[in-house]
C-alpha atoms as a PDB file:
ATOM      1  CA  UNK A   1      17.559  13.798  -7.249  1.00  0.00           C
ATOM      2  CA  UNK A   2      19.613  12.732  -4.238  1.00  0.00           C
ATOM      3  CA  UNK A   3      18.891  10.115  -1.627  1.00  0.00           C
ATOM      4  CA  UNK A   4      18.442  11.548   1.855  1.00  0.00           C
ATOM      5  CA  UNK A   5      18.866   9.767   5.196  1.00  0.00           C
ATOM      6  CA  UNK A   6      16.404  10.894   7.862  1.00  0.00           C
ATOM      7  CA  UNK A   7      16.175  10.357  11.617  1.00  0.00           C
ATOM      8  CA  UNK A   8      14.136   7.484  13.042  1.00  0.00           C
ATOM      9  CA  UNK A   9      11.595   9.887  14.563  1.00  0.00           C
ATOM     10  CA  UNK A  10      10.742  11.061  11.050  1.00  0.00           C
ATOM     11  CA  UNK A  11       8.596   7.941  10.753  1.00  0.00           C
ATOM     12  CA  UNK A  12       6.190   9.437  13.292  1.00  0.00           C
ATOM     13  CA  UNK A  13       6.244  12.713  11.346  1.00  0.00           C
ATOM     14  CA  UNK A  14       5.140  10.878   8.200  1.00  0.00           C
ATOM     15  CA  UNK A  15       2.193   9.436  10.091  1.00  0.00           C
ATOM     16  CA  UNK A  16       1.204  12.830  11.526  1.00  0.00           C
ATOM     17  CA  UNK A  17       1.496  14.586   8.169  1.00  0.00           C
ATOM     18  CA  UNK A  18      -0.508  11.852   6.478  1.00  0.00           C
ATOM     19  CA  UNK A  19      -3.348  12.099   9.000  1.00  0.00           C
ATOM     20  CA  UNK A  20      -3.280  15.910   8.897  1.00  0.00           C
ATOM     21  CA  UNK A  21      -3.365  15.946   5.089  1.00  0.00           C
ATOM     22  CA  UNK A  22      -6.167  13.379   5.012  1.00  0.00           C
ATOM     23  CA  UNK A  23      -8.393  15.642   7.108  1.00  0.00           C
ATOM     24  CA  UNK A  24      -7.845  18.474   4.632  1.00  0.00           C
ATOM     25  CA  UNK A  25      -9.800  16.483   2.037  1.00  0.00           C
ATOM     26  CA  UNK A  26     -11.369  13.557   3.962  1.00  0.00           C
ATOM     27  CA  UNK A  27     -14.206  12.872   1.529  1.00  0.00           C
ATOM     28  CA  UNK A  28     -12.004  13.042  -1.560  1.00  0.00           C
ATOM     29  CA  UNK A  29      -9.163  10.927  -0.176  1.00  0.00           C
ATOM     30  CA  UNK A  30     -11.388   8.294   1.422  1.00  0.00           C
ATOM     31  CA  UNK A  31     -13.496   8.162  -1.747  1.00  0.00           C
ATOM     32  CA  UNK A  32     -10.397   7.721  -3.908  1.00  0.00           C
ATOM     33  CA  UNK A  33      -9.227   4.912  -1.642  1.00  0.00           C
ATOM     34  CA  UNK A  34     -12.565   3.118  -2.029  1.00  0.00           C
ATOM     35  CA  UNK A  35     -12.378   3.575  -5.812  1.00  0.00           C
ATOM     36  CA  UNK A  36      -8.814   2.222  -5.697  1.00  0.00           C
ATOM     37  CA  UNK A  37      -9.977  -0.887  -3.823  1.00  0.00           C
ATOM     38  CA  UNK A  38     -12.927  -1.311  -6.165  1.00  0.00           C
ATOM     39  CA  UNK A  39     -10.849  -1.084  -9.331  1.00  0.00           C
ATOM     40  CA  UNK A  40      -8.265  -3.547  -8.028  1.00  0.00           C
ATOM     41  CA  UNK A  41     -11.035  -5.939  -6.944  1.00  0.00           C
ATOM     42  CA  UNK A  42     -12.891  -5.690 -10.265  1.00  0.00           C
ATOM     43  CA  UNK A  43      -9.674  -6.272 -12.200  1.00  0.00           C
ATOM     44  CA  UNK A  44      -8.895  -9.294 -10.052  1.00  0.00           C
ATOM     45  CA  UNK A  45     -12.317 -10.790 -10.859  1.00  0.00           C
ATOM     46  CA  UNK A  46     -11.599 -10.926 -14.593  1.00  0.00           C
ATOM     47  CA  UNK A  47     -11.451 -14.523 -15.875  1.00  0.00           C
ATOM     48  CA  UNK A  48      -8.158 -16.400 -16.236  1.00  0.00           C
ATOM     49  CA  UNK A  49      -5.552 -13.691 -15.535  1.00  0.00           C
ATOM     50  CA  UNK A  50      -7.603 -11.246 -13.471  1.00  0.00           C
ATOM     51  CA  UNK A  51      -5.631 -11.633 -10.237  1.00  0.00           C
ATOM     52  CA  UNK A  52      -2.345 -11.234 -12.126  1.00  0.00           C
ATOM     53  CA  UNK A  53      -3.671  -8.138 -13.946  1.00  0.00           C
ATOM     54  CA  UNK A  54      -4.717  -6.650 -10.601  1.00  0.00           C
ATOM     55  CA  UNK A  55      -1.165  -7.038  -9.342  1.00  0.00           C
ATOM     56  CA  UNK A  56       0.217  -5.385 -12.504  1.00  0.00           C
ATOM     57  CA  UNK A  57      -1.813  -2.197 -12.073  1.00  0.00           C
ATOM     58  CA  UNK A  58      -1.298  -2.015  -8.297  1.00  0.00           C
ATOM     59  CA  UNK A  59       1.963   0.039  -8.339  1.00  0.00           C
ATOM     60  CA  UNK A  60       0.549   2.617 -10.772  1.00  0.00           C
ATOM     61  CA  UNK A  61      -2.697   2.893  -8.801  1.00  0.00           C
ATOM     62  CA  UNK A  62      -0.706   3.353  -5.587  1.00  0.00           C
ATOM     63  CA  UNK A  63       1.100   6.227  -7.301  1.00  0.00           C
ATOM     64  CA  UNK A  64      -2.330   7.757  -7.938  1.00  0.00           C
ATOM     65  CA  UNK A  65      -3.040   7.765  -4.193  1.00  0.00           C
ATOM     66  CA  UNK A  66       0.320   9.419  -3.524  1.00  0.00           C
ATOM     67  CA  UNK A  67      -0.446  12.050  -6.159  1.00  0.00           C
ATOM     68  CA  UNK A  68      -3.829  12.634  -4.530  1.00  0.00           C
ATOM     69  CA  UNK A  69      -2.066  13.205  -1.203  1.00  0.00           C
ATOM     70  CA  UNK A  70       0.173  15.788  -2.851  1.00  0.00           C
ATOM     71  CA  UNK A  71      -2.848  17.544  -4.359  1.00  0.00           C
ATOM     72  CA  UNK A  72      -4.520  17.723  -0.939  1.00  0.00           C
ATOM     73  CA  UNK A  73      -1.289  19.023   0.591  1.00  0.00           C
ATOM     74  CA  UNK A  74      -1.246  21.808  -1.993  1.00  0.00           C
ATOM     75  CA  UNK A  75      -4.839  22.714  -1.125  1.00  0.00           C
ATOM     76  CA  UNK A  76      -6.329  21.211  -4.279  1.00  0.00           C
ATOM     77  CA  UNK A  77      -9.238  18.796  -4.632  1.00  0.00           C
ATOM     78  CA  UNK A  78      -7.976  15.486  -6.077  1.00  0.00           C
ATOM     79  CA  UNK A  79     -10.241  14.217  -8.840  1.00  0.00           C
ATOM     80  CA  UNK A  80     -10.823  10.470  -9.508  1.00  0.00           C
ATOM     81  CA  UNK A  81      -8.784  10.674 -12.717  1.00  0.00           C
ATOM     82  CA  UNK A  82      -5.655  11.205 -10.618  1.00  0.00           C
ATOM     83  CA  UNK A  83      -5.601   7.471  -9.918  1.00  0.00           C
ATOM     84  CA  UNK A  84      -4.482   6.997 -13.534  1.00  0.00           C
ATOM     85  CA  UNK A  85      -1.811   9.695 -13.454  1.00  0.00           C
ATOM     86  CA  UNK A  86       0.878   7.066 -13.985  1.00  0.00           C
ATOM     87  CA  UNK A  87      -0.421   6.481 -17.520  1.00  0.00           C
ATOM     88  CA  UNK A  88      -1.139  10.094 -18.487  1.00  0.00           C
ATOM     89  CA  UNK A  89       2.308  11.668 -18.771  1.00  0.00           C
ATOM     90  CA  UNK A  90       3.680  10.081 -21.961  1.00  0.00           C
ATOM     91  CA  UNK A  91       3.930   6.662 -23.663  1.00  0.00           C
ATOM     92  CA  UNK A  92       7.412   6.030 -22.206  1.00  0.00           C
ATOM     93  CA  UNK A  93       6.183   6.530 -18.658  1.00  0.00           C
ATOM     94  CA  UNK A  94       3.171   4.290 -19.296  1.00  0.00           C
ATOM     95  CA  UNK A  95       5.508   1.582 -20.582  1.00  0.00           C
ATOM     96  CA  UNK A  96       7.698   1.903 -17.490  1.00  0.00           C
ATOM     97  CA  UNK A  97       4.676   1.718 -15.207  1.00  0.00           C
ATOM     98  CA  UNK A  98       3.474  -1.445 -16.877  1.00  0.00           C
ATOM     99  CA  UNK A  99       6.988  -2.884 -16.711  1.00  0.00           C
ATOM    100  CA  UNK A 100       7.369  -2.411 -12.971  1.00  0.00           C
ATOM    101  CA  UNK A 101       3.809  -3.647 -12.526  1.00  0.00           C
ATOM    102  CA  UNK A 102       4.658  -6.822 -14.419  1.00  0.00           C
ATOM    103  CA  UNK A 103       7.851  -7.275 -12.373  1.00  0.00           C
ATOM    104  CA  UNK A 104       5.884  -6.778  -9.151  1.00  0.00           C
ATOM    105  CA  UNK A 105       3.258  -9.300 -10.203  1.00  0.00           C
ATOM    106  CA  UNK A 106       5.877 -11.887 -11.187  1.00  0.00           C
ATOM    107  CA  UNK A 107       7.822 -11.541  -7.930  1.00  0.00           C
ATOM    108  CA  UNK A 108       4.630 -11.618  -5.862  1.00  0.00           C
ATOM    109  CA  UNK A 109       3.497 -14.788  -7.606  1.00  0.00           C
ATOM    110  CA  UNK A 110       6.959 -16.268  -7.034  1.00  0.00           C
ATOM    111  CA  UNK A 111       6.535 -15.676  -3.298  1.00  0.00           C
ATOM    112  CA  UNK A 112       3.150 -17.390  -3.368  1.00  0.00           C
ATOM    113  CA  UNK A 113       4.640 -20.288  -5.331  1.00  0.00           C
ATOM    114  CA  UNK A 114       7.428 -20.726  -2.783  1.00  0.00           C
ATOM    115  CA  UNK A 115       4.878 -20.612   0.035  1.00  0.00           C
ATOM    116  CA  UNK A 116       3.309 -23.710  -1.511  1.00  0.00           C
ATOM    117  CA  UNK A 117       6.252 -25.675  -0.172  1.00  0.00           C
ATOM    118  CA  UNK A 118       4.730 -25.276   3.296  1.00  0.00           C
ATOM    119  CA  UNK A 119       1.016 -25.914   2.751  1.00  0.00           C
ATOM    120  CA  UNK A 120       0.709 -27.467  -0.697  1.00  0.00           C
ATOM    121  CA  UNK A 121      -0.521 -24.215  -2.257  1.00  0.00           C
ATOM    122  CA  UNK A 122      -3.563 -23.631  -0.026  1.00  0.00           C
ATOM    123  CA  UNK A 123      -2.633 -20.038   0.813  1.00  0.00           C
ATOM    124  CA  UNK A 124      -1.673 -19.251  -2.792  1.00  0.00           C
ATOM    125  CA  UNK A 125      -4.974 -20.625  -4.146  1.00  0.00           C
ATOM    126  CA  UNK A 126      -6.954 -18.760  -1.509  1.00  0.00           C
ATOM    127  CA  UNK A 127      -5.221 -15.464  -2.322  1.00  0.00           C
ATOM    128  CA  UNK A 128      -5.399 -15.730  -6.103  1.00  0.00           C
ATOM    129  CA  UNK A 129      -8.736 -17.489  -6.503  1.00  0.00           C
ATOM    130  CA  UNK A 130     -10.532 -16.223  -3.416  1.00  0.00           C
ATOM    131  CA  UNK A 131     -12.173 -18.139  -0.638  1.00  0.00           C
ATOM    132  CA  UNK A 132     -12.993 -17.942   3.040  1.00  0.00           C
ATOM    133  CA  UNK A 133     -10.636 -18.861   5.848  1.00  0.00           C
ATOM    134  CA  UNK A 134     -12.405 -21.197   8.227  1.00  0.00           C
ATOM    135  CA  UNK A 135     -11.230 -22.182  11.682  1.00  0.00           C
ATOM    136  CA  UNK A 136      -9.625 -25.454  10.596  1.00  0.00           C
ATOM    137  CA  UNK A 137      -7.538 -23.724   7.906  1.00  0.00           C
ATOM    138  CA  UNK A 138      -6.539 -20.855  10.186  1.00  0.00           C
ATOM    139  CA  UNK A 139      -5.359 -23.287  12.871  1.00  0.00           C
ATOM    140  CA  UNK A 140      -3.388 -25.421  10.432  1.00  0.00           C
ATOM    141  CA  UNK A 141       0.316 -25.029  11.229  1.00  0.00           C
ATOM    142  CA  UNK A 142       1.340 -25.527   7.576  1.00  0.00           C
ATOM    143  CA  UNK A 143      -1.015 -22.766   6.446  1.00  0.00           C
ATOM    144  CA  UNK A 144       0.322 -20.484   9.179  1.00  0.00           C
ATOM    145  CA  UNK A 145       3.894 -21.204   8.068  1.00  0.00           C
ATOM    146  CA  UNK A 146       2.988 -20.337   4.465  1.00  0.00           C
ATOM    147  CA  UNK A 147       1.415 -17.026   5.538  1.00  0.00           C
ATOM    148  CA  UNK A 148       4.382 -16.118   7.742  1.00  0.00           C
ATOM    149  CA  UNK A 149       6.854 -17.046   5.003  1.00  0.00           C
ATOM    150  CA  UNK A 150       4.984 -14.865   2.505  1.00  0.00           C
ATOM    151  CA  UNK A 151       4.891 -11.919   4.898  1.00  0.00           C
ATOM    152  CA  UNK A 152       8.620 -12.132   5.554  1.00  0.00           C
ATOM    153  CA  UNK A 153       9.469 -12.216   1.853  1.00  0.00           C
ATOM    154  CA  UNK A 154       6.970  -9.450   1.090  1.00  0.00           C
ATOM    155  CA  UNK A 155       8.958  -6.938   3.161  1.00  0.00           C
ATOM    156  CA  UNK A 156      11.913  -6.720   0.727  1.00  0.00           C
ATOM    157  CA  UNK A 157       9.481  -6.858  -2.216  1.00  0.00           C
ATOM    158  CA  UNK A 158       7.599  -3.891  -0.769  1.00  0.00           C
ATOM    159  CA  UNK A 159      10.851  -1.977  -0.263  1.00  0.00           C
ATOM    160  CA  UNK A 160      11.858  -2.653  -3.859  1.00  0.00           C
ATOM    161  CA  UNK A 161       8.655  -1.098  -5.217  1.00  0.00           C
ATOM    162  CA  UNK A 162       7.827   1.420  -2.451  1.00  0.00           C
ATOM    163  CA  UNK A 163       9.253   4.490  -4.219  1.00  0.00           C
ATOM    164  CA  UNK A 164       9.637   3.116  -7.751  1.00  0.00           C
ATOM    165  CA  UNK A 165       6.386   4.423  -9.321  1.00  0.00           C
ATOM    166  CA  UNK A 166       6.924   7.884  -7.798  1.00  0.00           C
ATOM    167  CA  UNK A 167      10.536   7.994  -9.017  1.00  0.00           C
ATOM    168  CA  UNK A 168       9.409   7.121 -12.522  1.00  0.00           C
ATOM    169  CA  UNK A 169       6.649   9.718 -12.522  1.00  0.00           C
ATOM    170  CA  UNK A 170       8.163  12.665 -10.668  1.00  0.00           C
ATOM    171  CA  UNK A 171      11.876  12.151 -11.304  1.00  0.00           C
ATOM    172  CA  UNK A 172      11.784  10.498 -14.743  1.00  0.00           C
ATOM    173  CA  UNK A 173      13.897   7.541 -13.614  1.00  0.00           C
ATOM    174  CA  UNK A 174      14.108   4.403 -15.764  1.00  0.00           C
ATOM    175  CA  UNK A 175      12.805   1.142 -14.338  1.00  0.00           C
ATOM    176  CA  UNK A 176      16.127  -0.275 -13.112  1.00  0.00           C
ATOM    177  CA  UNK A 177      17.191   2.959 -11.393  1.00  0.00           C
ATOM    178  CA  UNK A 178      13.773   3.484  -9.816  1.00  0.00           C
ATOM    179  CA  UNK A 179      13.879   0.013  -8.269  1.00  0.00           C
ATOM    180  CA  UNK A 180      17.483   0.469  -7.127  1.00  0.00           C
ATOM    181  CA  UNK A 181      16.885   3.861  -5.500  1.00  0.00           C
ATOM    182  CA  UNK A 182      13.646   2.622  -3.958  1.00  0.00           C
ATOM    183  CA  UNK A 183      15.228  -0.244  -2.064  1.00  0.00           C
ATOM    184  CA  UNK A 184      18.307   1.825  -1.188  1.00  0.00           C
ATOM    185  CA  UNK A 185      16.084   4.538   0.284  1.00  0.00           C
ATOM    186  CA  UNK A 186      14.254   1.966   2.393  1.00  0.00           C
ATOM    187  CA  UNK A 187      17.491   0.324   3.555  1.00  0.00           C
ATOM    188  CA  UNK A 188      19.171   3.647   4.338  1.00  0.00           C
ATOM    189  CA  UNK A 189      16.114   4.832   6.260  1.00  0.00           C
ATOM    190  CA  UNK A 190      15.098   1.510   7.777  1.00  0.00           C
ATOM    191  CA  UNK A 191      14.831   3.029  11.257  1.00  0.00           C
ATOM    192  CA  UNK A 192      12.343   5.668  10.072  1.00  0.00           C
ATOM    193  CA  UNK A 193      10.348   3.046   8.149  1.00  0.00           C
ATOM    194  CA  UNK A 194      10.348   0.747  11.173  1.00  0.00           C
ATOM    195  CA  UNK A 195       8.968   3.554  13.353  1.00  0.00           C
ATOM    196  CA  UNK A 196       6.490   4.421  10.587  1.00  0.00           C
ATOM    197  CA  UNK A 197       5.224   0.841  10.354  1.00  0.00           C
ATOM    198  CA  UNK A 198       5.095   0.264  14.113  1.00  0.00           C
ATOM    199  CA  UNK A 199       3.212   3.534  14.636  1.00  0.00           C
ATOM    200  CA  UNK A 200       0.569   2.506  12.123  1.00  0.00           C
ATOM    201  CA  UNK A 201       0.302  -0.971  13.660  1.00  0.00           C
ATOM    202  CA  UNK A 202      -0.235   0.670  17.055  1.00  0.00           C
ATOM    203  CA  UNK A 203      -2.932   2.951  15.602  1.00  0.00           C
ATOM    204  CA  UNK A 204      -4.779   0.067  13.929  1.00  0.00           C
ATOM    205  CA  UNK A 205      -4.577  -2.205  16.982  1.00  0.00           C
ATOM    206  CA  UNK A 206      -5.563   0.580  19.402  1.00  0.00           C
ATOM    207  CA  UNK A 207      -8.584   1.509  17.287  1.00  0.00           C
ATOM    208  CA  UNK A 208      -9.680  -2.116  17.043  1.00  0.00           C
ATOM    209  CA  UNK A 209      -9.287  -2.657  20.799  1.00  0.00           C
ATOM    210  CA  UNK A 210     -11.129   0.576  21.596  1.00  0.00           C
ATOM    211  CA  UNK A 211     -14.122  -0.349  19.446  1.00  0.00           C
ATOM    212  CA  UNK A 212     -14.149  -3.858  20.881  1.00  0.00           C
ATOM    213  CA  UNK A 213     -14.083  -2.434  24.395  1.00  0.00           C
ATOM    214  CA  UNK A 214     -16.975  -0.111  23.582  1.00  0.00           C
ATOM    215  CA  UNK A 215     -18.968  -3.058  22.274  1.00  0.00           C
ATOM    216  CA  UNK A 216     -18.547  -4.822  25.622  1.00  0.00           C
ATOM    217  CA  UNK A 217     -19.226  -1.802  27.833  1.00  0.00           C
ATOM    218  CA  UNK A 218     -22.267  -0.393  26.060  1.00  0.00           C
ATOM    219  CA  UNK A 219     -25.631  -1.735  25.065  1.00  0.00           C
ATOM    220  CA  UNK A 220     -24.845  -0.744  21.478  1.00  0.00           C
ATOM    221  CA  UNK A 221     -22.278  -3.480  21.133  1.00  0.00           C
ATOM    222  CA  UNK A 222     -23.394  -4.508  17.673  1.00  0.00           C
ATOM    223  CA  UNK A 223     -23.150  -0.909  16.476  1.00  0.00           C
ATOM    224  CA  UNK A 224     -19.548  -0.674  17.708  1.00  0.00           C
ATOM    225  CA  UNK A 225     -18.646  -3.825  15.823  1.00  0.00           C
ATOM    226  CA  UNK A 226     -20.331  -2.469  12.695  1.00  0.00           C
ATOM    227  CA  UNK A 227     -18.114   0.618  12.939  1.00  0.00           C
ATOM    228  CA  UNK A 228     -14.950  -1.509  12.939  1.00  0.00           C
ATOM    229  CA  UNK A 229     -14.768  -2.075   9.182  1.00  0.00           C
ATOM    230  CA  UNK A 230     -15.372   1.599   8.202  1.00  0.00           C
ATOM    231  CA  UNK A 231     -12.806   2.650  10.804  1.00  0.00           C
ATOM    232  CA  UNK A 232     -10.200   0.241   9.415  1.00  0.00           C
ATOM    233  CA  UNK A 233     -10.887   1.431   5.865  1.00  0.00           C
ATOM    234  CA  UNK A 234     -10.528   5.077   6.879  1.00  0.00           C
ATOM    235  CA  UNK A 235      -7.268   4.343   8.671  1.00  0.00           C
ATOM    236  CA  UNK A 236      -6.061   2.513   5.562  1.00  0.00           C
ATOM    237  CA  UNK A 237      -6.818   5.619   3.503  1.00  0.00           C
ATOM    238  CA  UNK A 238      -4.794   7.684   5.984  1.00  0.00           C
ATOM    239  CA  UNK A 239      -1.945   5.187   5.732  1.00  0.00           C
ATOM    240  CA  UNK A 240      -1.787   5.549   1.952  1.00  0.00           C
ATOM    241  CA  UNK A 241      -1.940   9.329   2.348  1.00  0.00           C
ATOM    242  CA  UNK A 242       1.103   9.197   4.630  1.00  0.00           C
ATOM    243  CA  UNK A 243       3.092   7.142   2.109  1.00  0.00           C
ATOM    244  CA  UNK A 244       3.640  10.257  -0.002  1.00  0.00           C
ATOM    245  CA  UNK A 245       5.580  11.899   2.826  1.00  0.00           C
ATOM    246  CA  UNK A 246       7.902   8.906   3.128  1.00  0.00           C
ATOM    247  CA  UNK A 247       8.788   9.412  -0.532  1.00  0.00           C
ATOM    248  CA  UNK A 248       9.034  13.194  -0.241  1.00  0.00           C
ATOM    249  CA  UNK A 249      11.523  13.097   2.647  1.00  0.00           C
ATOM    250  CA  UNK A 250      13.707  10.293   1.285  1.00  0.00           C
ATOM    251  CA  UNK A 251      14.856  12.401  -1.663  1.00  0.00           C
ATOM    252  CA  UNK A 252      16.283  15.909  -1.532  1.00  0.00           C
ATOM    253  CA  UNK A 253      14.579  17.378  -4.567  1.00  0.00           C
ATOM    254  CA  UNK A 254      10.822  17.833  -4.332  1.00  0.00           C
ATOM    255  CA  UNK A 255       8.702  16.641  -7.292  1.00  0.00           C
ATOM    256  CA  UNK A 256       7.799  19.457  -9.652  1.00  0.00           C
ATOM    257  CA  UNK A 257       5.545  17.710 -12.156  1.00  0.00           C
ATOM    258  CA  UNK A 258       1.768  17.565 -11.885  1.00  0.00           C
END
C-alpha cells in the first residue's frame, strides 16, 4: 500500500464515478443507505448510551456502504449483510473496528462538549438527546456559534477517520497506522477533496433550488416539496457511493479482499 497524490480535478471524477456506479444498482444501494440510516437511528434510540453506541458503529457501517459500492462496480448485487462486513473478516479486524469506532465517538463527544462553551450545551443536548430546532433557537447567536464551531472541528475529525475503516479491512492496517494514513491522504489530496466536497454541495443546493422553483411555477407545488426529502436521501446515497472512489484513488494498490 502506497499513498498516492491525485490532481484536484479528480474530485469531480469521484463524484461522476459514484453517480454512475449508483445507477448500476440504484435499488440496492439506495435500500442499503436507508437500512444504514435506520440501524444508526435505532441504535441511537437505545436508553442511556444509545447515541454513543450509534457513533461507535458508524465507521464500520460506513465501510459497509463503501464495500457495497465496490460490489456494484464489479457488477455484483450488494446484499444487506455487506453493511456488517467490517465485523465478518476475523476477530482482530472486529476489535480494530470497534476501537476506531470508540475513538471516533469519544472525539465527536469532545467536540460537542467544547461547543457547550458557546451555548451552554444546547446544541450538544439537541444532537445527543434529540429535539426540534425552533425559530428562536435557530436565530440564537450562541447556538449558531456552537454549530459553526462543531462543523469546523468536524473537518479534521472526518479526515482522520475517512479512510481508516477501509484501510483496516482491505489493507490489514492496525488502528494507529490506519488513522495516520487516512489523515495524511486527506491532507496530501486536500485539493481533490475540496473539489469533491464543493461539487456535492453544488449538486445538493442545485437540486433543492430546482425543486423549490418547480413548486413556485407549477400548480403541483406541494408535490414538488414532497419530492425534496426523497431527492436529498437519494443524493446522500450517491455521495456515500462516491466515497469508495476517493479511497480507491488515494492508494496505489487496489483492495483484493472481499
